[in-house]
Protein backbone atom coordinates (compact mmCIF):
# COMPACT_ATOMS: atom_id res chain seq x y z
CA UNK A 1 5.94 2.98 8.96
CA UNK A 2 7.29 1.34 12.06
CA UNK A 3 5.60 -1.21 14.21
CA UNK A 4 1.98 -2.06 13.28
CA UNK A 5 -0.58 -0.79 15.73
CA UNK A 6 -4.05 -1.94 16.64
CA UNK A 7 -5.62 1.11 14.98
CA UNK A 8 -9.02 0.43 13.48
CA UNK A 9 -9.10 1.69 9.87
CA UNK A 10 -12.96 1.63 9.37
CA UNK A 11 -14.84 4.77 8.96
CA UNK A 12 -18.48 5.62 9.62
CA UNK A 13 -20.64 3.13 7.66
CA UNK A 14 -17.89 1.22 6.00
CA UNK A 15 -16.33 -2.21 6.80
CA UNK A 16 -12.63 -2.87 7.10
CA UNK A 17 -12.68 -4.89 3.87
CA UNK A 18 -14.24 -2.04 1.99
CA UNK A 19 -11.81 0.48 3.45
CA UNK A 20 -8.97 -1.80 2.49
CA UNK A 21 -10.27 -2.04 -1.19
CA UNK A 22 -10.74 1.66 -1.41
CA UNK A 23 -7.25 2.53 -0.13
CA UNK A 24 -5.70 -0.06 -2.36
CA UNK A 25 -7.59 1.32 -5.41
CA UNK A 26 -6.57 4.89 -4.48
CA UNK A 27 -2.88 3.78 -3.98
CA UNK A 28 -3.07 1.99 -7.39
CA UNK A 29 -4.49 5.10 -9.10
CA UNK A 30 -1.86 7.42 -7.49
CA UNK A 31 1.10 5.22 -8.33
CA UNK A 32 -0.11 4.42 -11.76
CA UNK A 33 -0.51 8.24 -12.50
CA UNK A 34 3.08 8.81 -11.37
CA UNK A 35 4.51 6.03 -13.53
CA UNK A 36 2.38 6.94 -16.48
CA UNK A 37 3.51 10.49 -16.39
CA UNK A 38 7.17 9.57 -16.19
CA UNK A 39 6.94 7.02 -18.94
CA UNK A 40 4.91 9.31 -21.10
CA UNK A 41 7.20 12.35 -20.77
CA UNK A 42 10.52 10.34 -21.03
CA UNK A 43 9.65 7.62 -23.54
CA UNK A 44 6.31 8.17 -25.08
CA UNK A 45 4.86 5.09 -23.36
CA UNK A 46 1.88 4.72 -21.25
CA UNK A 47 2.04 2.59 -18.17
CA UNK A 48 -0.13 -0.01 -19.99
CA UNK A 49 2.31 -0.17 -22.83
CA UNK A 50 5.15 -0.59 -20.37
CA UNK A 51 3.38 -3.56 -18.68
CA UNK A 52 2.94 -5.20 -22.08
CA UNK A 53 6.69 -4.84 -22.78
CA UNK A 54 7.56 -5.94 -19.30
CA UNK A 55 5.51 -9.07 -19.32
CA UNK A 56 6.66 -10.05 -22.76
CA UNK A 57 10.28 -9.58 -21.60
CA UNK A 58 9.68 -11.98 -18.70
CA UNK A 59 8.06 -14.61 -20.84
CA UNK A 60 10.03 -17.57 -22.29
CA UNK A 61 11.46 -16.49 -25.65
CA UNK A 62 9.89 -12.97 -24.92
CA UNK A 63 6.59 -13.99 -26.34
CA UNK A 64 3.17 -14.86 -24.97
CA UNK A 65 -0.12 -16.09 -26.35
CA UNK A 66 -2.34 -12.99 -26.57
CA UNK A 67 -4.82 -14.58 -24.22
CA UNK A 68 -2.02 -15.18 -21.62
CA UNK A 69 -0.93 -11.53 -22.01
CA UNK A 70 -4.48 -10.36 -21.47
CA UNK A 71 -4.81 -12.48 -18.34
CA UNK A 72 -1.53 -10.83 -16.86
CA UNK A 73 -2.81 -7.37 -17.77
CA UNK A 74 -6.26 -8.03 -16.34
CA UNK A 75 -7.98 -7.06 -19.65
CA UNK A 76 -9.98 -8.86 -22.29
CA UNK A 77 -8.38 -10.64 -25.26
CA UNK A 78 -9.85 -7.79 -27.52
CA UNK A 79 -8.46 -5.19 -25.23
CA UNK A 80 -4.97 -6.58 -25.44
CA UNK A 81 -5.33 -6.79 -29.27
CA UNK A 82 -6.38 -3.04 -29.43
CA UNK A 83 -3.25 -2.18 -27.11
CA UNK A 84 -0.86 -4.24 -29.28
CA UNK A 85 -1.83 -2.66 -32.63
CA UNK A 86 -0.12 0.73 -32.23
CA UNK A 87 2.96 -1.03 -30.57
CA UNK A 88 3.17 -3.30 -33.63
CA UNK A 89 3.17 -0.33 -35.89
CA UNK A 90 6.05 1.23 -33.97
CA UNK A 91 7.95 -2.02 -34.15
CA UNK A 92 7.99 -2.64 -30.38
CA UNK A 93 6.12 -5.92 -30.59
CA UNK A 94 5.35 -8.33 -33.41
CA UNK A 95 2.58 -10.73 -34.10
CA UNK A 96 3.37 -14.34 -34.56
CA UNK A 97 0.90 -17.11 -35.59
CA UNK A 98 1.06 -20.56 -34.09
CA UNK A 99 2.08 -23.07 -36.85
CA UNK A 100 -0.08 -25.77 -35.23
CA UNK A 101 -3.24 -23.71 -34.35
CA UNK A 102 -4.40 -20.88 -36.60
CA UNK A 103 -6.67 -19.63 -33.86
CA UNK A 104 -3.69 -18.91 -31.47
CA UNK A 105 -1.69 -15.77 -31.90
CA UNK A 106 1.39 -14.75 -30.00
CA UNK A 107 2.75 -11.36 -29.20
CA UNK A 108 6.57 -11.11 -29.22
CA UNK A 109 8.95 -8.50 -28.01
CA UNK A 110 11.16 -7.03 -30.67
CA UNK A 111 14.69 -5.69 -30.24
CA UNK A 112 13.36 -2.23 -30.34
CA UNK A 113 10.82 -3.07 -27.62
CA UNK A 114 13.44 -4.67 -25.44
CA UNK A 115 15.67 -1.57 -25.76
CA UNK A 116 12.84 0.79 -24.92
CA UNK A 117 11.88 -1.38 -22.06
CA UNK A 118 15.49 -1.17 -20.68
CA UNK A 119 15.39 2.64 -20.70
CA UNK A 120 11.85 2.76 -19.25
CA UNK A 121 12.83 0.50 -16.35
CA UNK A 122 15.82 2.78 -15.49
CA UNK A 123 13.43 5.76 -15.48
CA UNK A 124 10.68 4.33 -13.20
CA UNK A 125 12.76 2.25 -10.86
CA UNK A 126 13.47 5.26 -8.65
CA UNK A 127 9.67 5.96 -8.48
CA UNK A 128 9.03 2.35 -7.45
CA UNK A 129 11.68 2.56 -4.71
CA UNK A 130 10.33 5.81 -3.41
CA UNK A 131 6.80 4.39 -3.39
CA UNK A 132 7.80 1.62 -0.93
CA UNK A 133 10.46 3.53 1.12
CA UNK A 134 8.20 3.67 4.19
CA UNK A 135 7.38 0.01 4.16
CA UNK A 136 9.75 -2.10 6.32
CA UNK A 137 11.84 -4.47 4.10
CA UNK A 138 10.54 -7.46 6.05
CA UNK A 139 6.91 -6.59 5.05
CA UNK A 140 7.56 -6.37 1.29
CA UNK A 141 7.60 -10.16 0.59
CA UNK A 142 4.35 -10.98 2.54
CA UNK A 143 2.70 -7.88 1.04
CA UNK A 144 3.57 -9.13 -2.44
CA UNK A 145 2.01 -12.54 -1.64
CA UNK A 146 -1.18 -10.77 -0.53
CA UNK A 147 -1.35 -8.62 -3.63
CA UNK A 148 -0.60 -11.73 -5.76
CA UNK A 149 -3.52 -13.54 -4.14
CA UNK A 150 -5.80 -10.61 -4.74
CA UNK A 151 -4.74 -10.50 -8.38
CA UNK A 152 -5.09 -14.19 -8.85
CA UNK A 153 -1.40 -14.73 -9.56
CA UNK A 154 0.05 -18.06 -9.36
CA UNK A 155 3.38 -19.67 -10.51
CA UNK A 156 2.08 -20.21 -13.99
CA UNK A 157 0.87 -16.62 -14.77
CA UNK A 158 3.11 -14.19 -12.80
């Protein structure tokens, strides 16, 4: 990628902010498709399923309230419930009630889910590395911060 230039990225009748959003969306769609294909072909997982396993694995005790998982995934609480049902049937995640509050439910990563995540990570890490190979190493950290800001990520919900 090299040294940044003062190239203007706007096109006819679009602002730089819109162009940024459109390119970011296209990059997301392209990368998601590649990751989804690899995960599906090798492990029978969608990229959405992978993200559920990934966020549960990173959580304390490998479990999250369903509403917190929905926030990390950028979906509704009912959307995360629909996604978890088939994963529960496969034994990748389990449902745990909160003993103090019957309205709160937790999703927990099972041993089988953790094992599948380990294999999935090994399969898609090369794709992730390839995706950023043209980005200078010193730009990765700042770019992660920008993307985190756009996604509304803070220390409590990353």
